[in-house]
Amino acid sequence: MCAMARPRKPLLSTDRIVETARVLVDTEGLAAVSTRRLAAELGVSGPSLYNHFRTKDQILEAVADSVSAQVDLSMFEDGRDWRTALHDWAVSYRAALRDHPNIVPVLARGPGRRPAALRLADAVYGAMVAAGWPAAQATSIGALMRYFIMGSALGSFAGGFVDDVSAYDPADYPHLGQAHLLAERQEKIDERAFETGLAALLDGLERQYEGVVRSS
């Protein structure tokens, strides 16, 4: 009797678990992820997962870190000035969160021990200190940018309105006569709002930076 050939690739891997969990989170939300559901999706027994992850929370942390790893950090290494680098990084960060909005609540907890998230925080802080920002202000800038980007990804302003003109009676809401049109223009409005807020934030930081340079 001939022995069965061994599979070329292992049936289960950390990357495969994370990718499957990320698809579940993207399509069905955080509540859809359980070790039982993942085992079924992967075609393995539940205990097999424990060779890679001890808990569901560890799996979600790994999914969150895989999203952080999608954020471009090259702008902090290629000579761009600090303002341009912050802008370009914020755009890349928001794009990653926009593609995976359901994982944002996990990311919002902070980097913890997640390697990609820690590299991200390290890159921003290091670039600000290298540009001449004092350490305390560099920390505040990293926090401020994170609050802004996370907040922009947690929900849609335009998507919060319904496309029913009768919902916005002029007698009650005299300035919302066009609000029913916002939902269908959601992506464009949210993108413009993000860029407007980011520019205002960076303008304010630039004014502070001028003071830092004068006092140094």
N, C-alpha and C. Protein backbone atom coordinates (compact mmCIF):
# COMPACT_ATOMS: atom_id res chain seq x y z
N MET A 1 0.85 -1.20 0.00
CA MET A 1 0.00 0.00 0.00
C MET A 1 0.88 1.24 0.00
N CYS A 2 0.57 2.17 -0.86
CA CYS A 2 1.37 3.39 -0.96
C CYS A 2 0.98 4.36 0.15
N ALA A 3 1.96 4.97 0.74
CA ALA A 3 1.68 5.98 1.77
C ALA A 3 1.14 7.24 1.12
N MET A 4 0.20 7.90 1.80
CA MET A 4 -0.37 9.14 1.30
C MET A 4 0.69 10.24 1.31
N ALA A 5 0.72 11.01 0.25
CA ALA A 5 1.68 12.11 0.18
C ALA A 5 1.32 13.17 1.22
N ARG A 6 2.31 13.70 1.86
CA ARG A 6 2.08 14.76 2.83
C ARG A 6 1.74 16.05 2.10
N PRO A 7 0.83 16.85 2.64
CA PRO A 7 0.48 18.11 1.97
C PRO A 7 1.69 19.03 1.88
N ARG A 8 1.78 19.76 0.78
CA ARG A 8 2.90 20.67 0.59
C ARG A 8 2.89 21.81 1.60
N LYS A 9 1.68 22.24 1.98
CA LYS A 9 1.55 23.33 2.94
C LYS A 9 0.80 22.84 4.17
N PRO A 10 1.16 23.32 5.35
CA PRO A 10 0.43 22.91 6.55
C PRO A 10 -1.02 23.35 6.45
N LEU A 11 -1.90 22.54 7.02
CA LEU A 11 -3.33 22.82 6.96
C LEU A 11 -3.66 24.14 7.63
N LEU A 12 -2.95 24.47 8.67
CA LEU A 12 -3.27 25.66 9.46
C LEU A 12 -2.00 26.47 9.73
N SER A 13 -2.14 27.78 9.68
CA SER A 13 -1.03 28.67 9.99
C SER A 13 -1.58 29.92 10.66
N THR A 14 -0.70 30.63 11.34
CA THR A 14 -1.12 31.88 11.98
C THR A 14 -1.67 32.87 10.96
N ASP A 15 -0.97 33.00 9.84
CA ASP A 15 -1.42 33.94 8.81
C ASP A 15 -2.79 33.57 8.27
N ARG A 16 -3.03 32.28 8.08
CA ARG A 16 -4.33 31.84 7.54
C ARG A 16 -5.44 32.12 8.53
N ILE A 17 -5.18 31.91 9.80
CA ILE A 17 -6.19 32.20 10.83
C ILE A 17 -6.51 33.69 10.84
N VAL A 18 -5.46 34.52 10.82
CA VAL A 18 -5.66 35.96 10.88
C VAL A 18 -6.42 36.46 9.66
N GLU A 19 -6.05 35.96 8.48
CA GLU A 19 -6.73 36.38 7.25
C GLU A 19 -8.21 35.99 7.28
N THR A 20 -8.49 34.78 7.72
CA THR A 20 -9.88 34.32 7.79
C THR A 20 -10.67 35.15 8.80
N ALA A 21 -10.05 35.43 9.93
CA ALA A 21 -10.72 36.25 10.94
C ALA A 21 -10.95 37.66 10.44
N ARG A 22 -9.98 38.21 9.69
CA ARG A 22 -10.13 39.57 9.16
C ARG A 22 -11.30 39.65 8.17
N VAL A 23 -11.44 38.63 7.35
CA VAL A 23 -12.56 38.61 6.41
C VAL A 23 -13.88 38.55 7.16
N LEU A 24 -13.94 37.75 8.21
CA LEU A 24 -15.16 37.68 9.02
C LEU A 24 -15.49 39.02 9.65
N VAL A 25 -14.47 39.66 10.22
CA VAL A 25 -14.69 40.97 10.84
C VAL A 25 -15.16 41.98 9.80
N ASP A 26 -14.53 41.99 8.64
CA ASP A 26 -14.88 42.94 7.59
C ASP A 26 -16.32 42.75 7.12
N THR A 27 -16.73 41.51 6.97
CA THR A 27 -18.03 41.23 6.36
C THR A 27 -19.17 41.15 7.37
N GLU A 28 -18.86 40.70 8.59
CA GLU A 28 -19.95 40.45 9.55
C GLU A 28 -19.77 41.16 10.90
N GLY A 29 -18.61 41.73 11.15
CA GLY A 29 -18.40 42.44 12.40
C GLY A 29 -17.69 41.61 13.45
N LEU A 30 -17.30 42.27 14.53
CA LEU A 30 -16.53 41.62 15.58
C LEU A 30 -17.27 40.45 16.21
N ALA A 31 -18.59 40.58 16.35
CA ALA A 31 -19.38 39.55 17.02
C ALA A 31 -19.37 38.23 16.26
N ALA A 32 -19.04 38.27 14.97
CA ALA A 32 -19.04 37.04 14.17
C ALA A 32 -17.85 36.15 14.47
N VAL A 33 -16.84 36.69 15.11
CA VAL A 33 -15.60 35.93 15.34
C VAL A 33 -15.71 35.12 16.63
N SER A 34 -15.58 33.85 16.49
CA SER A 34 -15.48 32.94 17.63
C SER A 34 -14.55 31.81 17.21
N THR A 35 -13.98 31.12 18.17
CA THR A 35 -13.09 30.02 17.81
C THR A 35 -13.86 28.93 17.08
N ARG A 36 -15.10 28.71 17.46
CA ARG A 36 -15.90 27.69 16.78
C ARG A 36 -16.16 28.08 15.32
N ARG A 37 -16.53 29.36 15.11
CA ARG A 37 -16.82 29.81 13.75
C ARG A 37 -15.54 29.78 12.90
N LEU A 38 -14.45 30.22 13.47
CA LEU A 38 -13.19 30.20 12.71
C LEU A 38 -12.77 28.78 12.35
N ALA A 39 -12.91 27.86 13.28
CA ALA A 39 -12.56 26.47 13.01
C ALA A 39 -13.40 25.93 11.86
N ALA A 40 -14.69 26.28 11.86
CA ALA A 40 -15.56 25.83 10.78
C ALA A 40 -15.15 26.43 9.45
N GLU A 41 -14.82 27.73 9.44
CA GLU A 41 -14.41 28.39 8.21
C GLU A 41 -13.10 27.82 7.67
N LEU A 42 -12.24 27.42 8.58
CA LEU A 42 -10.93 26.90 8.20
C LEU A 42 -10.95 25.40 7.92
N GLY A 43 -12.03 24.73 8.30
CA GLY A 43 -12.13 23.30 8.09
C GLY A 43 -11.25 22.49 9.02
N VAL A 44 -11.10 22.98 10.26
CA VAL A 44 -10.28 22.27 11.25
C VAL A 44 -11.08 22.10 12.53
N SER A 45 -10.53 21.37 13.44
CA SER A 45 -11.17 21.22 14.75
C SER A 45 -10.82 22.42 15.62
N GLY A 46 -11.72 22.78 16.51
CA GLY A 46 -11.52 23.94 17.39
C GLY A 46 -10.20 23.93 18.13
N PRO A 47 -9.83 22.81 18.75
CA PRO A 47 -8.57 22.79 19.51
C PRO A 47 -7.33 23.10 18.67
N SER A 48 -7.42 22.92 17.34
CA SER A 48 -6.26 23.21 16.50
C SER A 48 -5.85 24.67 16.57
N LEU A 49 -6.84 25.55 16.77
CA LEU A 49 -6.54 26.98 16.84
C LEU A 49 -5.66 27.32 18.03
N TYR A 50 -5.80 26.56 19.11
CA TYR A 50 -5.07 26.88 20.33
C TYR A 50 -3.58 26.64 20.22
N ASN A 51 -3.15 25.98 19.15
CA ASN A 51 -1.71 25.87 18.90
C ASN A 51 -1.13 27.19 18.41
N HIS A 52 -2.01 28.11 17.99
CA HIS A 52 -1.58 29.41 17.46
C HIS A 52 -2.06 30.58 18.32
N PHE A 53 -3.26 30.50 18.83
CA PHE A 53 -3.85 31.56 19.66
C PHE A 53 -4.59 30.93 20.83
N ARG A 54 -4.38 31.48 22.01
CA ARG A 54 -5.03 30.91 23.19
C ARG A 54 -6.46 31.39 23.35
N THR A 55 -6.75 32.62 22.87
CA THR A 55 -8.07 33.19 23.08
C THR A 55 -8.56 33.93 21.83
N LYS A 56 -9.86 34.18 21.81
CA LYS A 56 -10.44 34.98 20.73
C LYS A 56 -9.85 36.39 20.73
N ASP A 57 -9.62 36.95 21.92
CA ASP A 57 -9.06 38.30 21.99
C ASP A 57 -7.68 38.36 21.33
N GLN A 58 -6.89 37.34 21.49
CA GLN A 58 -5.58 37.31 20.84
C GLN A 58 -5.73 37.31 19.32
N ILE A 59 -6.73 36.62 18.83
CA ILE A 59 -6.97 36.60 17.38
C ILE A 59 -7.35 37.99 16.90
N LEU A 60 -8.25 38.67 17.63
CA LEU A 60 -8.66 40.01 17.24
C LEU A 60 -7.51 41.01 17.32
N GLU A 61 -6.64 40.83 18.31
CA GLU A 61 -5.47 41.68 18.40
C GLU A 61 -4.57 41.49 17.18
N ALA A 62 -4.44 40.24 16.75
CA ALA A 62 -3.61 39.96 15.57
C ALA A 62 -4.25 40.54 14.31
N VAL A 63 -5.58 40.47 14.21
CA VAL A 63 -6.27 41.08 13.08
C VAL A 63 -6.02 42.58 13.08
N ALA A 64 -6.17 43.21 14.24
CA ALA A 64 -5.94 44.65 14.35
C ALA A 64 -4.52 45.00 13.92
N ASP A 65 -3.56 44.20 14.33
CA ASP A 65 -2.18 44.51 13.98
C ASP A 65 -1.92 44.32 12.49
N SER A 66 -2.63 43.38 11.88
CA SER A 66 -2.47 43.19 10.44
C SER A 66 -2.98 44.40 9.67
N VAL A 67 -3.96 45.11 10.22
CA VAL A 67 -4.45 46.34 9.60
C VAL A 67 -3.45 47.46 9.83
N SER A 68 -2.89 47.56 11.03
CA SER A 68 -1.85 48.57 11.29
C SER A 68 -0.67 48.39 10.35
N ALA A 69 -0.38 47.15 10.01
CA ALA A 69 0.76 46.87 9.13
C ALA A 69 0.52 47.37 7.71
N GLN A 70 -0.72 47.70 7.36
CA GLN A 70 -1.03 48.22 6.03
C GLN A 70 -0.74 49.72 5.90
N VAL A 71 -0.49 50.38 7.03
CA VAL A 71 -0.25 51.82 7.01
C VAL A 71 1.17 52.10 6.52
N ASP A 72 1.29 52.97 5.54
CA ASP A 72 2.59 53.34 4.97
C ASP A 72 3.37 54.20 5.96
N LEU A 73 4.63 53.86 6.18
CA LEU A 73 5.50 54.63 7.07
C LEU A 73 6.70 55.22 6.32
N SER A 74 6.75 55.04 5.01
CA SER A 74 7.93 55.46 4.26
C SER A 74 8.14 56.97 4.30
N MET A 75 7.06 57.73 4.52
CA MET A 75 7.18 59.20 4.53
C MET A 75 8.03 59.71 5.68
N PHE A 76 8.25 58.89 6.69
CA PHE A 76 9.09 59.30 7.81
C PHE A 76 10.57 58.96 7.57
N GLU A 77 10.86 58.36 6.42
CA GLU A 77 12.23 57.92 6.15
C GLU A 77 12.80 58.50 4.86
N ASP A 78 11.97 59.17 4.07
CA ASP A 78 12.45 59.59 2.74
C ASP A 78 12.70 61.09 2.62
N GLY A 79 12.80 61.78 3.75
CA GLY A 79 13.19 63.19 3.70
C GLY A 79 12.06 64.19 3.63
N ARG A 80 10.82 63.73 3.67
CA ARG A 80 9.71 64.69 3.68
C ARG A 80 9.72 65.50 4.97
N ASP A 81 9.34 66.78 4.90
CA ASP A 81 9.27 67.59 6.11
C ASP A 81 8.17 67.05 7.02
N TRP A 82 8.23 67.44 8.31
CA TRP A 82 7.36 66.81 9.29
C TRP A 82 5.88 67.01 8.98
N ARG A 83 5.51 68.19 8.47
CA ARG A 83 4.09 68.42 8.17
C ARG A 83 3.61 67.54 7.01
N THR A 84 4.38 67.49 5.94
CA THR A 84 4.02 66.66 4.79
C THR A 84 3.95 65.19 5.20
N ALA A 85 4.93 64.77 6.00
CA ALA A 85 4.96 63.38 6.45
C ALA A 85 3.73 63.05 7.29
N LEU A 86 3.37 63.94 8.21
CA LEU A 86 2.18 63.69 9.03
C LEU A 86 0.93 63.62 8.17
N HIS A 87 0.81 64.52 7.20
CA HIS A 87 -0.35 64.52 6.31
C HIS A 87 -0.45 63.20 5.54
N ASP A 88 0.66 62.81 4.92
CA ASP A 88 0.64 61.61 4.08
C ASP A 88 0.40 60.36 4.92
N TRP A 89 0.97 60.33 6.11
CA TRP A 89 0.75 59.20 7.01
C TRP A 89 -0.71 59.13 7.44
N ALA A 90 -1.30 60.27 7.77
CA ALA A 90 -2.70 60.30 8.20
C ALA A 90 -3.62 59.79 7.09
N VAL A 91 -3.33 60.17 5.86
CA VAL A 91 -4.14 59.72 4.73
C VAL A 91 -4.03 58.20 4.57
N SER A 92 -2.80 57.68 4.69
CA SER A 92 -2.60 56.24 4.58
C SER A 92 -3.29 55.49 5.72
N TYR A 93 -3.18 56.04 6.92
CA TYR A 93 -3.78 55.42 8.10
C TYR A 93 -5.30 55.37 7.95
N ARG A 94 -5.88 56.49 7.54
CA ARG A 94 -7.34 56.53 7.38
C ARG A 94 -7.79 55.56 6.29
N ALA A 95 -7.02 55.44 5.23
CA ALA A 95 -7.38 54.51 4.16
C ALA A 95 -7.44 53.07 4.67
N ALA A 96 -6.47 52.70 5.51
CA ALA A 96 -6.47 51.35 6.08
C ALA A 96 -7.70 51.13 6.95
N LEU A 97 -8.03 52.13 7.76
CA LEU A 97 -9.19 52.00 8.63
C LEU A 97 -10.50 52.02 7.83
N ARG A 98 -10.52 52.81 6.78
CA ARG A 98 -11.72 52.87 5.93
C ARG A 98 -11.98 51.51 5.28
N ASP A 99 -10.91 50.79 4.94
CA ASP A 99 -11.05 49.48 4.33
C ASP A 99 -11.46 48.40 5.34
N HIS A 100 -11.19 48.66 6.62
CA HIS A 100 -11.49 47.67 7.67
C HIS A 100 -12.15 48.37 8.87
N PRO A 101 -13.30 49.00 8.68
CA PRO A 101 -13.89 49.82 9.75
C PRO A 101 -14.33 49.03 10.98
N ASN A 102 -14.66 47.75 10.81
CA ASN A 102 -15.19 47.00 11.95
C ASN A 102 -14.13 46.67 13.00
N ILE A 103 -12.85 46.76 12.63
CA ILE A 103 -11.78 46.46 13.59
C ILE A 103 -11.35 47.71 14.35
N VAL A 104 -11.88 48.88 13.99
CA VAL A 104 -11.46 50.13 14.62
C VAL A 104 -11.63 50.11 16.15
N PRO A 105 -12.74 49.57 16.70
CA PRO A 105 -12.84 49.55 18.18
C PRO A 105 -11.69 48.81 18.86
N VAL A 106 -11.14 47.79 18.22
CA VAL A 106 -9.99 47.08 18.80
C VAL A 106 -8.74 47.94 18.68
N LEU A 107 -8.54 48.56 17.53
CA LEU A 107 -7.39 49.44 17.34
C LEU A 107 -7.43 50.62 18.30
N ALA A 108 -8.63 51.10 18.61
CA ALA A 108 -8.77 52.27 19.46
C ALA A 108 -8.32 52.02 20.90
N ARG A 109 -8.13 50.79 21.27
CA ARG A 109 -7.66 50.49 22.63
C ARG A 109 -6.21 50.92 22.82
N GLY A 110 -5.50 51.12 21.73
CA GLY A 110 -4.09 51.48 21.83
C GLY A 110 -3.21 50.36 21.32
N PRO A 111 -1.92 50.62 21.15
CA PRO A 111 -1.03 49.63 20.53
C PRO A 111 -0.74 48.42 21.39
N GLY A 112 -0.80 48.58 22.73
CA GLY A 112 -0.52 47.44 23.60
C GLY A 112 0.83 46.82 23.29
N ARG A 113 0.81 45.53 22.93
CA ARG A 113 2.04 44.81 22.56
C ARG A 113 2.08 44.48 21.07
N ARG A 114 1.19 45.07 20.28
CA ARG A 114 1.11 44.72 18.86
C ARG A 114 2.30 45.32 18.11
N PRO A 115 3.11 44.48 17.45
CA PRO A 115 4.35 44.96 16.82
C PRO A 115 4.14 46.05 15.77
N ALA A 116 3.22 45.85 14.84
CA ALA A 116 3.03 46.85 13.77
C ALA A 116 2.53 48.17 14.34
N ALA A 117 1.64 48.10 15.32
CA ALA A 117 1.12 49.32 15.94
C ALA A 117 2.22 50.05 16.70
N LEU A 118 3.11 49.31 17.34
CA LEU A 118 4.22 49.93 18.06
C LEU A 118 5.21 50.56 17.08
N ARG A 119 5.45 49.90 15.94
CA ARG A 119 6.33 50.49 14.93
C ARG A 119 5.74 51.80 14.41
N LEU A 120 4.43 51.81 14.26
CA LEU A 120 3.74 53.01 13.79
C LEU A 120 3.94 54.15 14.79
N ALA A 121 3.68 53.88 16.08
CA ALA A 121 3.84 54.91 17.11
C ALA A 121 5.29 55.38 17.20
N ASP A 122 6.22 54.44 17.08
CA ASP A 122 7.64 54.76 17.16
C ASP A 122 8.05 55.66 16.00
N ALA A 123 7.54 55.38 14.80
CA ALA A 123 7.90 56.17 13.62
C ALA A 123 7.41 57.61 13.74
N VAL A 124 6.17 57.78 14.20
CA VAL A 124 5.62 59.14 14.32
C VAL A 124 6.38 59.93 15.38
N TYR A 125 6.55 59.33 16.54
CA TYR A 125 7.25 60.02 17.63
C TYR A 125 8.69 60.35 17.22
N GLY A 126 9.38 59.38 16.65
CA GLY A 126 10.77 59.60 16.26
C GLY A 126 10.92 60.71 15.23
N ALA A 127 9.98 60.76 14.28
CA ALA A 127 10.05 61.79 13.24
C ALA A 127 9.80 63.17 13.81
N MET A 128 8.88 63.28 14.77
CA MET A 128 8.59 64.59 15.36
C MET A 128 9.77 65.08 16.20
N VAL A 129 10.38 64.19 16.97
CA VAL A 129 11.55 64.58 17.76
C VAL A 129 12.70 64.97 16.84
N ALA A 130 12.90 64.21 15.77
CA ALA A 130 13.97 64.52 14.82
C ALA A 130 13.74 65.87 14.14
N ALA A 131 12.47 66.28 14.00
CA ALA A 131 12.15 67.56 13.37
C ALA A 131 12.33 68.73 14.32
N GLY A 132 12.57 68.44 15.60
CA GLY A 132 12.80 69.51 16.56
C GLY A 132 11.70 69.71 17.58
N TRP A 133 10.64 68.90 17.52
CA TRP A 133 9.61 69.01 18.54
C TRP A 133 10.13 68.47 19.87
N PRO A 134 9.85 69.14 20.98
CA PRO A 134 10.20 68.58 22.28
C PRO A 134 9.48 67.25 22.50
N ALA A 135 10.07 66.39 23.30
CA ALA A 135 9.53 65.03 23.48
C ALA A 135 8.07 65.04 23.93
N ALA A 136 7.75 65.92 24.89
CA ALA A 136 6.37 65.94 25.40
C ALA A 136 5.38 66.33 24.31
N GLN A 137 5.75 67.32 23.49
CA GLN A 137 4.87 67.75 22.41
C GLN A 137 4.79 66.70 21.30
N ALA A 138 5.89 66.00 21.06
CA ALA A 138 5.88 64.92 20.07
C ALA A 138 4.89 63.83 20.48
N THR A 139 4.88 63.53 21.78
CA THR A 139 3.92 62.55 22.29
C THR A 139 2.50 63.04 22.09
N SER A 140 2.26 64.31 22.40
CA SER A 140 0.92 64.89 22.23
C SER A 140 0.47 64.88 20.78
N ILE A 141 1.41 65.14 19.87
CA ILE A 141 1.08 65.13 18.45
C ILE A 141 0.65 63.73 18.01
N GLY A 142 1.39 62.72 18.45
CA GLY A 142 1.01 61.35 18.11
C GLY A 142 -0.38 61.00 18.62
N ALA A 143 -0.67 61.42 19.85
CA ALA A 143 -1.99 61.16 20.43
C ALA A 143 -3.08 61.92 19.68
N LEU A 144 -2.81 63.19 19.40
CA LEU A 144 -3.78 64.02 18.69
C LEU A 144 -4.12 63.44 17.32
N MET A 145 -3.10 63.05 16.57
CA MET A 145 -3.34 62.49 15.25
C MET A 145 -4.13 61.20 15.34
N ARG A 146 -3.81 60.41 16.33
CA ARG A 146 -4.53 59.13 16.50
C ARG A 146 -6.00 59.37 16.83
N TYR A 147 -6.28 60.33 17.73
CA TYR A 147 -7.66 60.65 18.06
C TYR A 147 -8.42 61.07 16.80
N PHE A 148 -7.80 61.94 16.02
CA PHE A 148 -8.46 62.49 14.84
C PHE A 148 -8.73 61.40 13.80
N ILE A 149 -7.73 60.59 13.52
CA ILE A 149 -7.88 59.57 12.49
C ILE A 149 -8.87 58.49 12.93
N MET A 150 -8.74 58.03 14.16
CA MET A 150 -9.68 57.03 14.67
C MET A 150 -11.11 57.56 14.66
N GLY A 151 -11.26 58.80 15.09
CA GLY A 151 -12.60 59.39 15.12
C GLY A 151 -13.22 59.46 13.74
N SER A 152 -12.40 59.78 12.75
CA SER A 152 -12.91 59.88 11.38
C SER A 152 -13.35 58.52 10.85
N ALA A 153 -12.79 57.45 11.42
CA ALA A 153 -13.10 56.11 10.92
C ALA A 153 -14.24 55.44 11.68
N LEU A 154 -14.61 56.00 12.82
CA LEU A 154 -15.64 55.35 13.65
C LEU A 154 -17.04 55.51 13.10
N GLY A 155 -17.25 56.49 12.25
CA GLY A 155 -18.57 56.67 11.69
C GLY A 155 -18.54 57.68 10.57
N SER A 156 -19.65 57.77 9.87
CA SER A 156 -19.77 58.70 8.74
C SER A 156 -20.74 59.81 9.10
N PHE A 157 -20.29 61.06 8.98
CA PHE A 157 -21.19 62.19 9.21
C PHE A 157 -22.32 62.16 8.19
N ALA A 158 -21.96 62.09 6.91
CA ALA A 158 -22.97 62.12 5.85
C ALA A 158 -23.89 60.91 5.93
N GLY A 159 -23.33 59.76 6.30
CA GLY A 159 -24.13 58.54 6.38
C GLY A 159 -25.13 58.56 7.52
N GLY A 160 -25.01 59.54 8.40
CA GLY A 160 -25.94 59.63 9.52
C GLY A 160 -27.27 60.28 9.17
N PHE A 161 -27.39 60.78 7.94
CA PHE A 161 -28.63 61.38 7.48
C PHE A 161 -29.36 60.41 6.56
N VAL A 162 -30.68 60.47 6.54
CA VAL A 162 -31.47 59.59 5.69
C VAL A 162 -31.85 60.32 4.41
N ASP A 163 -32.07 59.57 3.34
CA ASP A 163 -32.38 60.18 2.06
C ASP A 163 -33.89 60.37 1.88
N ASP A 164 -34.52 60.89 2.92
CA ASP A 164 -35.97 61.13 2.92
C ASP A 164 -36.19 62.61 3.25
N VAL A 165 -36.63 63.37 2.26
CA VAL A 165 -36.79 64.81 2.45
C VAL A 165 -37.79 65.14 3.55
N SER A 166 -38.76 64.24 3.77
CA SER A 166 -39.79 64.52 4.79
C SER A 166 -39.23 64.45 6.21
N ALA A 167 -38.03 63.89 6.36
CA ALA A 167 -37.44 63.78 7.70
C ALA A 167 -36.91 65.12 8.21
N TYR A 168 -36.80 66.10 7.31
CA TYR A 168 -36.20 67.37 7.69
C TYR A 168 -37.15 68.52 7.37
N ASP A 169 -38.22 68.57 8.14
CA ASP A 169 -39.24 69.60 7.97
C ASP A 169 -38.63 70.98 8.22
N PRO A 170 -38.73 71.90 7.26
CA PRO A 170 -38.16 73.25 7.43
C PRO A 170 -38.68 73.97 8.66
N ALA A 171 -39.87 73.63 9.08
CA ALA A 171 -40.42 74.27 10.28
C ALA A 171 -39.61 73.90 11.52
N ASP A 172 -39.06 72.71 11.51
CA ASP A 172 -38.26 72.24 12.65
C ASP A 172 -36.77 72.44 12.43
N TYR A 173 -36.32 72.27 11.17
CA TYR A 173 -34.90 72.34 10.86
C TYR A 173 -34.70 73.26 9.65
N PRO A 174 -34.75 74.56 9.87
CA PRO A 174 -34.73 75.51 8.74
C PRO A 174 -33.46 75.48 7.91
N HIS A 175 -32.37 74.92 8.44
CA HIS A 175 -31.11 74.92 7.70
C HIS A 175 -30.74 73.54 7.14
N LEU A 176 -31.64 72.59 7.23
CA LEU A 176 -31.33 71.23 6.77
C LEU A 176 -32.15 70.83 5.55
N GLY A 177 -32.49 71.80 4.72
CA GLY A 177 -33.32 71.52 3.56
C GLY A 177 -32.68 70.57 2.56
N GLN A 178 -31.35 70.50 2.55
CA GLN A 178 -30.65 69.62 1.61
C GLN A 178 -30.03 68.40 2.30
N ALA A 179 -30.36 68.21 3.58
CA ALA A 179 -29.73 67.13 4.34
C ALA A 179 -30.04 65.75 3.79
N HIS A 180 -31.18 65.60 3.13
CA HIS A 180 -31.54 64.29 2.59
C HIS A 180 -30.63 63.87 1.43
N LEU A 181 -29.85 64.80 0.91
CA LEU A 181 -28.94 64.50 -0.19
C LEU A 181 -27.57 64.02 0.29
N LEU A 182 -27.30 64.17 1.58
CA LEU A 182 -25.96 63.87 2.08
C LEU A 182 -25.60 62.40 1.97
N ALA A 183 -26.54 61.51 2.28
CA ALA A 183 -26.24 60.09 2.31
C ALA A 183 -25.71 59.57 0.99
N GLU A 184 -26.29 60.04 -0.13
CA GLU A 184 -25.86 59.53 -1.43
C GLU A 184 -24.50 60.09 -1.83
N ARG A 185 -24.03 61.12 -1.14
CA ARG A 185 -22.72 61.71 -1.43
C ARG A 185 -21.75 61.44 -0.29
N GLN A 186 -22.01 60.40 0.44
CA GLN A 186 -21.31 60.11 1.68
C GLN A 186 -19.79 60.09 1.54
N GLU A 187 -19.28 59.31 0.61
CA GLU A 187 -17.82 59.16 0.50
C GLU A 187 -17.14 60.49 0.20
N LYS A 188 -17.68 61.25 -0.74
CA LYS A 188 -17.08 62.52 -1.13
C LYS A 188 -17.11 63.52 0.03
N ILE A 189 -18.25 63.58 0.73
CA ILE A 189 -18.39 64.53 1.84
C ILE A 189 -17.45 64.16 2.98
N ASP A 190 -17.39 62.88 3.32
CA ASP A 190 -16.52 62.45 4.41
C ASP A 190 -15.06 62.67 4.07
N GLU A 191 -14.68 62.44 2.82
CA GLU A 191 -13.30 62.66 2.40
C GLU A 191 -12.94 64.13 2.51
N ARG A 192 -13.84 65.01 2.05
CA ARG A 192 -13.60 66.44 2.12
C ARG A 192 -13.52 66.92 3.57
N ALA A 193 -14.38 66.37 4.42
CA ALA A 193 -14.36 66.75 5.83
C ALA A 193 -13.05 66.33 6.49
N PHE A 194 -12.56 65.14 6.14
CA PHE A 194 -11.29 64.67 6.70
C PHE A 194 -10.15 65.58 6.28
N GLU A 195 -10.09 65.92 5.01
CA GLU A 195 -9.01 66.78 4.51
C GLU A 195 -9.10 68.18 5.11
N THR A 196 -10.33 68.68 5.29
CA THR A 196 -10.50 70.01 5.91
C THR A 196 -10.00 70.00 7.34
N GLY A 197 -10.39 68.98 8.08
CA GLY A 197 -9.96 68.87 9.47
C GLY A 197 -8.47 68.66 9.59
N LEU A 198 -7.92 67.83 8.72
CA LEU A 198 -6.48 67.54 8.76
C LEU A 198 -5.68 68.80 8.46
N ALA A 199 -6.12 69.59 7.48
CA ALA A 199 -5.41 70.83 7.15
C ALA A 199 -5.46 71.81 8.31
N ALA A 200 -6.63 71.92 8.95
CA ALA A 200 -6.76 72.83 10.09
C ALA A 200 -5.87 72.38 11.24
N LEU A 201 -5.83 71.09 11.48
CA LEU A 201 -5.00 70.55 12.55
C LEU A 201 -3.52 70.83 12.28
N LEU A 202 -3.09 70.58 11.05
CA LEU A 202 -1.68 70.80 10.71
C LEU A 202 -1.32 72.28 10.70
N ASP A 203 -2.26 73.13 10.29
CA ASP A 203 -2.02 74.58 10.35
C ASP A 203 -1.75 75.00 11.79
N GLY A 204 -2.56 74.48 12.71
CA GLY A 204 -2.37 74.82 14.12
C GLY A 204 -1.04 74.32 14.65
N LEU A 205 -0.67 73.11 14.28
CA LEU A 205 0.63 72.58 14.71
C LEU A 205 1.78 73.38 14.13
N GLU A 206 1.62 73.85 12.90
CA GLU A 206 2.70 74.63 12.29
C GLU A 206 2.92 75.94 13.03
N ARG A 207 1.83 76.55 13.48
CA ARG A 207 1.97 77.78 14.27
C ARG A 207 2.68 77.50 15.58
N GLN A 208 2.37 76.38 16.20
CA GLN A 208 3.08 76.01 17.44
C GLN A 208 4.55 75.75 17.14
N TYR A 209 4.81 75.11 16.02
CA TYR A 209 6.19 74.77 15.67
C TYR A 209 7.04 76.01 15.48
N GLU A 210 6.46 77.05 14.92
CA GLU A 210 7.19 78.30 14.76
C GLU A 210 7.66 78.83 16.11
N GLY A 211 6.80 78.69 17.12
CA GLY A 211 7.18 79.11 18.46
C GLY A 211 8.28 78.24 19.03
N VAL A 212 8.22 76.92 18.74
CA VAL A 212 9.26 76.01 19.19
C VAL A 212 10.62 76.38 18.58
N VAL A 213 10.61 76.70 17.29
CA VAL A 213 11.85 77.04 16.59
C VAL A 213 12.41 78.35 17.15
N ARG A 214 11.54 79.34 17.39
CA ARG A 214 12.01 80.64 17.91
C ARG A 214 12.61 80.51 19.30
N SER A 215 12.06 79.62 20.10
CA SER A 215 12.53 79.51 21.48
C SER A 215 13.74 78.58 21.63
N SER A 216 14.09 77.87 20.56
CA SER A 216 15.20 76.92 20.66
C SER A 216 16.56 77.61 20.39
